[in-house]
Amino acid sequence: MAWTLGGVRIYVEEDTGWLRSRRQAKIEVLDSNKTIVHDAGRPSDRREITFVMFSGYENSVLPLLSGSGVELVSDQGSQGNVIIMGEPSTTRLRAINYDTPVYRVTMELMKDDS
């Protein structure tokens, strides 16, 4: 199955998968010999993907940076809606066999739980 992000075909090279973490804090009471661990839930799941765009980066991927949720489909099926966090890191690749610019893009995605 092909990877798509917001309906745009992407060629994924690396994927961290969903990363889950806990929101924790340590409370160090001055007159105690014990540390209290305060658990305050967990943030939304995140993942980082690196993919190659062979054409249409400016017209296809940049409009997805609106801050609203877009659908992510991986080789394992639908992953639900995600929000693109921050600015993607892009590197233009040397590809003389293509008449359009080829980019390697790394971006962080957050699961849209809304």
N, C-alpha and C. Protein backbone atom coordinates (compact mmCIF):
# COMPACT_ATOMS: atom_id res chain seq x y z
N MET A 1 0.84 -1.18 0.00
CA MET A 1 0.00 0.00 0.00
C MET A 1 0.89 1.24 0.00
N ALA A 2 0.48 2.23 -0.72
CA ALA A 2 1.25 3.46 -0.85
C ALA A 2 1.00 4.39 0.34
N TRP A 3 2.04 5.13 0.74
CA TRP A 3 1.91 6.15 1.78
C TRP A 3 1.31 7.40 1.15
N THR A 4 0.37 8.02 1.87
CA THR A 4 -0.15 9.32 1.45
C THR A 4 -0.30 10.21 2.68
N LEU A 5 -0.13 11.49 2.48
CA LEU A 5 -0.31 12.50 3.52
C LEU A 5 -1.25 13.55 2.96
N GLY A 6 -2.45 13.60 3.49
CA GLY A 6 -3.44 14.54 2.96
C GLY A 6 -3.78 14.26 1.51
N GLY A 7 -3.74 13.00 1.12
CA GLY A 7 -4.04 12.61 -0.25
C GLY A 7 -2.87 12.74 -1.21
N VAL A 8 -1.71 13.21 -0.73
CA VAL A 8 -0.52 13.39 -1.56
C VAL A 8 0.38 12.17 -1.41
N ARG A 9 0.79 11.58 -2.50
CA ARG A 9 1.65 10.39 -2.49
C ARG A 9 3.04 10.78 -2.01
N ILE A 10 3.56 10.07 -1.00
CA ILE A 10 4.91 10.31 -0.49
C ILE A 10 5.66 8.98 -0.48
N TYR A 11 6.97 9.05 -0.60
CA TYR A 11 7.83 7.86 -0.63
C TYR A 11 8.68 7.88 0.65
N VAL A 12 8.21 7.15 1.67
CA VAL A 12 8.80 7.21 3.00
C VAL A 12 10.09 6.39 3.06
N GLU A 13 11.14 7.02 3.61
CA GLU A 13 12.43 6.36 3.83
C GLU A 13 12.58 5.92 5.28
N GLU A 14 12.15 6.76 6.21
CA GLU A 14 12.27 6.47 7.64
C GLU A 14 10.99 6.86 8.35
N ASP A 15 10.65 6.06 9.38
CA ASP A 15 9.46 6.30 10.17
C ASP A 15 9.71 5.81 11.58
N THR A 16 9.48 6.68 12.57
CA THR A 16 9.70 6.28 13.96
C THR A 16 8.54 5.47 14.50
N GLY A 17 7.39 5.50 13.83
CA GLY A 17 6.19 4.91 14.40
C GLY A 17 5.65 5.83 15.47
N TRP A 18 4.52 5.48 16.05
CA TRP A 18 3.93 6.34 17.07
C TRP A 18 4.75 6.28 18.34
N LEU A 19 5.15 7.44 18.85
CA LEU A 19 5.92 7.55 20.08
C LEU A 19 4.99 8.03 21.19
N ARG A 20 4.91 7.23 22.24
CA ARG A 20 4.06 7.58 23.37
C ARG A 20 4.93 7.90 24.57
N SER A 21 4.57 8.94 25.29
CA SER A 21 5.35 9.33 26.46
C SER A 21 4.39 9.75 27.58
N ARG A 22 4.93 9.80 28.78
CA ARG A 22 4.16 10.26 29.93
C ARG A 22 4.62 11.65 30.32
N ARG A 23 3.70 12.43 30.85
CA ARG A 23 4.02 13.75 31.36
C ARG A 23 4.27 13.60 32.85
N GLN A 24 5.54 13.69 33.27
CA GLN A 24 5.89 13.46 34.66
C GLN A 24 6.72 14.61 35.21
N ALA A 25 6.66 14.73 36.53
CA ALA A 25 7.50 15.71 37.22
C ALA A 25 7.97 15.09 38.52
N LYS A 26 9.19 15.43 38.93
CA LYS A 26 9.71 14.97 40.22
C LYS A 26 9.55 16.10 41.23
N ILE A 27 9.02 15.77 42.38
CA ILE A 27 8.86 16.74 43.45
C ILE A 27 9.87 16.37 44.53
N GLU A 28 10.84 17.26 44.74
CA GLU A 28 11.90 17.04 45.72
C GLU A 28 11.58 17.86 46.98
N VAL A 29 11.01 17.21 47.98
CA VAL A 29 10.67 17.88 49.23
C VAL A 29 11.96 18.06 50.03
N LEU A 30 12.21 19.28 50.51
CA LEU A 30 13.48 19.59 51.16
C LEU A 30 13.74 18.79 52.43
N ASP A 31 12.74 18.58 53.25
CA ASP A 31 12.98 17.87 54.51
C ASP A 31 12.56 16.40 54.44
N SER A 32 12.66 15.82 53.27
CA SER A 32 12.29 14.42 53.08
C SER A 32 13.44 13.66 52.45
N ASN A 33 13.43 12.36 52.61
CA ASN A 33 14.45 11.53 51.97
C ASN A 33 13.85 10.73 50.82
N LYS A 34 12.76 11.21 50.28
CA LYS A 34 12.07 10.51 49.21
C LYS A 34 11.62 11.50 48.13
N THR A 35 11.71 11.11 46.89
CA THR A 35 11.23 11.91 45.77
C THR A 35 9.82 11.46 45.41
N ILE A 36 8.96 12.42 45.20
CA ILE A 36 7.58 12.13 44.80
C ILE A 36 7.50 12.30 43.29
N VAL A 37 6.96 11.30 42.63
CA VAL A 37 6.77 11.38 41.18
C VAL A 37 5.31 11.72 40.92
N HIS A 38 5.12 12.83 40.24
CA HIS A 38 3.77 13.31 39.91
C HIS A 38 3.50 12.98 38.45
N ASP A 39 2.46 12.20 38.20
CA ASP A 39 2.08 11.82 36.84
C ASP A 39 0.90 12.68 36.41
N ALA A 40 1.05 13.41 35.31
CA ALA A 40 0.01 14.34 34.86
C ALA A 40 -0.50 13.96 33.47
N GLY A 41 -0.77 12.68 33.27
CA GLY A 41 -1.31 12.25 31.99
C GLY A 41 -0.23 12.07 30.94
N ARG A 42 -0.63 12.15 29.69
CA ARG A 42 0.34 12.02 28.61
C ARG A 42 -0.07 12.89 27.43
N PRO A 43 0.90 13.40 26.71
CA PRO A 43 0.60 14.21 25.52
C PRO A 43 0.13 13.33 24.37
N SER A 44 -0.31 13.95 23.31
CA SER A 44 -0.74 13.21 22.12
C SER A 44 0.42 12.42 21.52
N ASP A 45 0.09 11.32 20.84
CA ASP A 45 1.10 10.51 20.17
C ASP A 45 1.76 11.31 19.06
N ARG A 46 3.06 11.08 18.88
CA ARG A 46 3.82 11.77 17.84
C ARG A 46 4.62 10.77 17.04
N ARG A 47 5.00 11.16 15.84
CA ARG A 47 5.88 10.35 15.02
C ARG A 47 6.65 11.27 14.08
N GLU A 48 7.81 10.81 13.64
CA GLU A 48 8.62 11.58 12.70
C GLU A 48 8.83 10.72 11.46
N ILE A 49 8.58 11.31 10.30
CA ILE A 49 8.79 10.60 9.05
C ILE A 49 9.74 11.39 8.16
N THR A 50 10.51 10.66 7.38
CA THR A 50 11.37 11.24 6.35
C THR A 50 10.94 10.63 5.03
N PHE A 51 10.63 11.49 4.07
CA PHE A 51 10.15 10.99 2.78
C PHE A 51 10.73 11.81 1.64
N VAL A 52 10.60 11.28 0.44
CA VAL A 52 11.07 11.94 -0.77
C VAL A 52 9.87 12.36 -1.60
N MET A 53 9.91 13.60 -2.08
CA MET A 53 8.89 14.11 -3.00
C MET A 53 9.54 14.31 -4.35
N PHE A 54 9.06 13.60 -5.35
CA PHE A 54 9.66 13.69 -6.67
C PHE A 54 9.13 14.86 -7.49
N SER A 55 7.97 15.36 -7.14
CA SER A 55 7.45 16.56 -7.81
C SER A 55 6.29 17.13 -6.99
N GLY A 56 6.06 18.41 -7.13
CA GLY A 56 4.90 19.04 -6.52
C GLY A 56 5.02 19.38 -5.06
N TYR A 57 6.24 19.53 -4.53
CA TYR A 57 6.38 19.84 -3.11
C TYR A 57 5.70 21.17 -2.77
N GLU A 58 5.98 22.21 -3.54
CA GLU A 58 5.42 23.53 -3.26
C GLU A 58 3.90 23.54 -3.37
N ASN A 59 3.35 22.83 -4.34
CA ASN A 59 1.92 22.86 -4.60
C ASN A 59 1.14 21.80 -3.82
N SER A 60 1.80 20.73 -3.39
CA SER A 60 1.10 19.62 -2.74
C SER A 60 1.32 19.55 -1.24
N VAL A 61 2.55 19.70 -0.78
CA VAL A 61 2.86 19.53 0.65
C VAL A 61 2.74 20.83 1.42
N LEU A 62 3.25 21.93 0.89
CA LEU A 62 3.20 23.20 1.63
C LEU A 62 1.79 23.62 2.02
N PRO A 63 0.75 23.41 1.19
CA PRO A 63 -0.60 23.76 1.63
C PRO A 63 -1.09 22.93 2.83
N LEU A 64 -0.46 21.78 3.10
CA LEU A 64 -0.87 20.95 4.23
C LEU A 64 -0.43 21.53 5.57
N LEU A 65 0.42 22.57 5.57
CA LEU A 65 0.94 23.17 6.79
C LEU A 65 -0.03 24.16 7.43
N SER A 66 -1.30 23.98 7.20
CA SER A 66 -2.31 24.92 7.68
C SER A 66 -2.59 24.79 9.18
N GLY A 67 -2.14 23.72 9.80
CA GLY A 67 -2.40 23.51 11.22
C GLY A 67 -3.63 22.66 11.49
N SER A 68 -4.37 22.35 10.45
CA SER A 68 -5.54 21.48 10.63
C SER A 68 -5.14 20.04 10.33
N GLY A 69 -5.97 19.11 10.74
CA GLY A 69 -5.66 17.70 10.57
C GLY A 69 -5.74 17.24 9.12
N VAL A 70 -4.79 16.38 8.75
CA VAL A 70 -4.80 15.76 7.43
C VAL A 70 -4.65 14.25 7.63
N GLU A 71 -5.18 13.48 6.71
CA GLU A 71 -5.14 12.03 6.86
C GLU A 71 -3.77 11.48 6.48
N LEU A 72 -3.29 10.54 7.30
CA LEU A 72 -2.04 9.82 7.02
C LEU A 72 -2.38 8.37 6.75
N VAL A 73 -1.95 7.89 5.59
CA VAL A 73 -2.11 6.48 5.24
C VAL A 73 -0.72 5.91 5.06
N SER A 74 -0.42 4.84 5.82
CA SER A 74 0.90 4.21 5.73
C SER A 74 0.78 2.90 4.97
N ASP A 75 1.87 2.17 4.93
CA ASP A 75 1.85 0.85 4.28
C ASP A 75 1.01 -0.14 5.08
N GLN A 76 0.59 0.25 6.29
CA GLN A 76 -0.24 -0.61 7.13
C GLN A 76 -1.69 -0.13 7.20
N GLY A 77 -2.06 0.80 6.34
CA GLY A 77 -3.43 1.30 6.31
C GLY A 77 -3.54 2.68 6.93
N SER A 78 -4.77 3.09 7.17
CA SER A 78 -5.04 4.43 7.69
C SER A 78 -4.49 4.59 9.10
N GLN A 79 -3.80 5.70 9.35
CA GLN A 79 -3.25 6.02 10.66
C GLN A 79 -4.05 7.13 11.33
N GLY A 80 -5.15 7.54 10.71
CA GLY A 80 -5.98 8.60 11.25
C GLY A 80 -5.50 9.97 10.80
N ASN A 81 -6.06 11.00 11.40
CA ASN A 81 -5.67 12.37 11.07
C ASN A 81 -4.50 12.80 11.92
N VAL A 82 -3.60 13.57 11.32
CA VAL A 82 -2.41 14.08 12.00
C VAL A 82 -2.30 15.57 11.75
N ILE A 83 -1.58 16.24 12.66
CA ILE A 83 -1.26 17.66 12.50
C ILE A 83 0.24 17.76 12.28
N ILE A 84 0.66 18.49 11.27
CA ILE A 84 2.09 18.69 11.00
C ILE A 84 2.60 19.72 11.98
N MET A 85 3.59 19.34 12.78
CA MET A 85 4.13 20.20 13.81
C MET A 85 5.33 20.98 13.28
N GLY A 86 5.32 22.28 13.46
CA GLY A 86 6.45 23.11 13.06
C GLY A 86 6.67 23.13 11.56
N GLU A 87 7.85 23.56 11.20
CA GLU A 87 8.23 23.62 9.79
C GLU A 87 8.99 22.35 9.42
N PRO A 88 8.67 21.75 8.28
CA PRO A 88 9.43 20.57 7.85
C PRO A 88 10.85 20.95 7.47
N SER A 89 11.75 20.00 7.65
CA SER A 89 13.14 20.18 7.23
C SER A 89 13.26 19.60 5.82
N THR A 90 13.70 20.44 4.88
CA THR A 90 13.79 19.98 3.50
C THR A 90 15.23 20.09 2.99
N THR A 91 15.59 19.13 2.16
CA THR A 91 16.87 19.12 1.48
C THR A 91 16.61 18.81 0.01
N ARG A 92 17.13 19.66 -0.86
CA ARG A 92 16.96 19.38 -2.28
C ARG A 92 18.00 18.37 -2.71
N LEU A 93 17.53 17.32 -3.38
CA LEU A 93 18.41 16.25 -3.83
C LEU A 93 18.83 16.49 -5.27
N ARG A 94 20.01 16.02 -5.58
CA ARG A 94 20.49 16.12 -6.96
C ARG A 94 19.89 14.97 -7.74
N ALA A 95 19.02 15.31 -8.67
CA ALA A 95 18.34 14.30 -9.48
C ALA A 95 18.23 14.84 -10.90
N ILE A 96 19.26 14.63 -11.68
CA ILE A 96 19.28 15.20 -13.03
C ILE A 96 18.34 14.47 -13.98
N ASN A 97 17.83 13.32 -13.55
CA ASN A 97 16.91 12.59 -14.41
C ASN A 97 15.45 13.04 -14.23
N TYR A 98 15.19 14.06 -13.38
CA TYR A 98 13.85 14.62 -13.20
C TYR A 98 13.87 16.07 -13.65
N ASP A 99 12.77 16.50 -14.27
CA ASP A 99 12.70 17.89 -14.72
C ASP A 99 12.11 18.81 -13.66
N THR A 100 11.72 18.27 -12.50
CA THR A 100 11.24 19.08 -11.38
C THR A 100 12.15 18.84 -10.18
N PRO A 101 12.20 19.78 -9.23
CA PRO A 101 13.04 19.58 -8.05
C PRO A 101 12.59 18.38 -7.22
N VAL A 102 13.56 17.64 -6.69
CA VAL A 102 13.30 16.48 -5.83
C VAL A 102 13.76 16.85 -4.42
N TYR A 103 12.89 16.64 -3.43
CA TYR A 103 13.19 17.03 -2.05
C TYR A 103 13.13 15.83 -1.11
N ARG A 104 14.00 15.82 -0.12
CA ARG A 104 13.89 14.92 1.02
C ARG A 104 13.33 15.76 2.16
N VAL A 105 12.22 15.32 2.74
CA VAL A 105 11.50 16.09 3.74
C VAL A 105 11.42 15.29 5.04
N THR A 106 11.72 15.94 6.16
CA THR A 106 11.55 15.35 7.47
C THR A 106 10.56 16.21 8.24
N MET A 107 9.53 15.57 8.78
CA MET A 107 8.54 16.34 9.54
C MET A 107 8.04 15.54 10.73
N GLU A 108 7.63 16.30 11.75
CA GLU A 108 7.05 15.70 12.94
C GLU A 108 5.53 15.79 12.84
N LEU A 109 4.87 14.69 13.12
CA LEU A 109 3.42 14.62 13.05
C LEU A 109 2.86 14.32 14.43
N MET A 110 1.73 14.92 14.77
CA MET A 110 1.05 14.66 16.03
C MET A 110 -0.34 14.14 15.72
N LYS A 111 -0.75 13.08 16.39
CA LYS A 111 -2.08 12.51 16.16
C LYS A 111 -3.14 13.53 16.55
N ASP A 112 -4.09 13.75 15.66
CA ASP A 112 -5.19 14.69 15.89
C ASP A 112 -6.30 13.93 16.58
N ASP A 113 -6.42 14.10 17.89
CA ASP A 113 -7.38 13.34 18.68
C ASP A 113 -8.77 14.00 18.71
N SER A 114 -8.92 15.12 18.04
CA SER A 114 -10.20 15.81 18.09
C SER A 114 -11.23 15.18 17.18
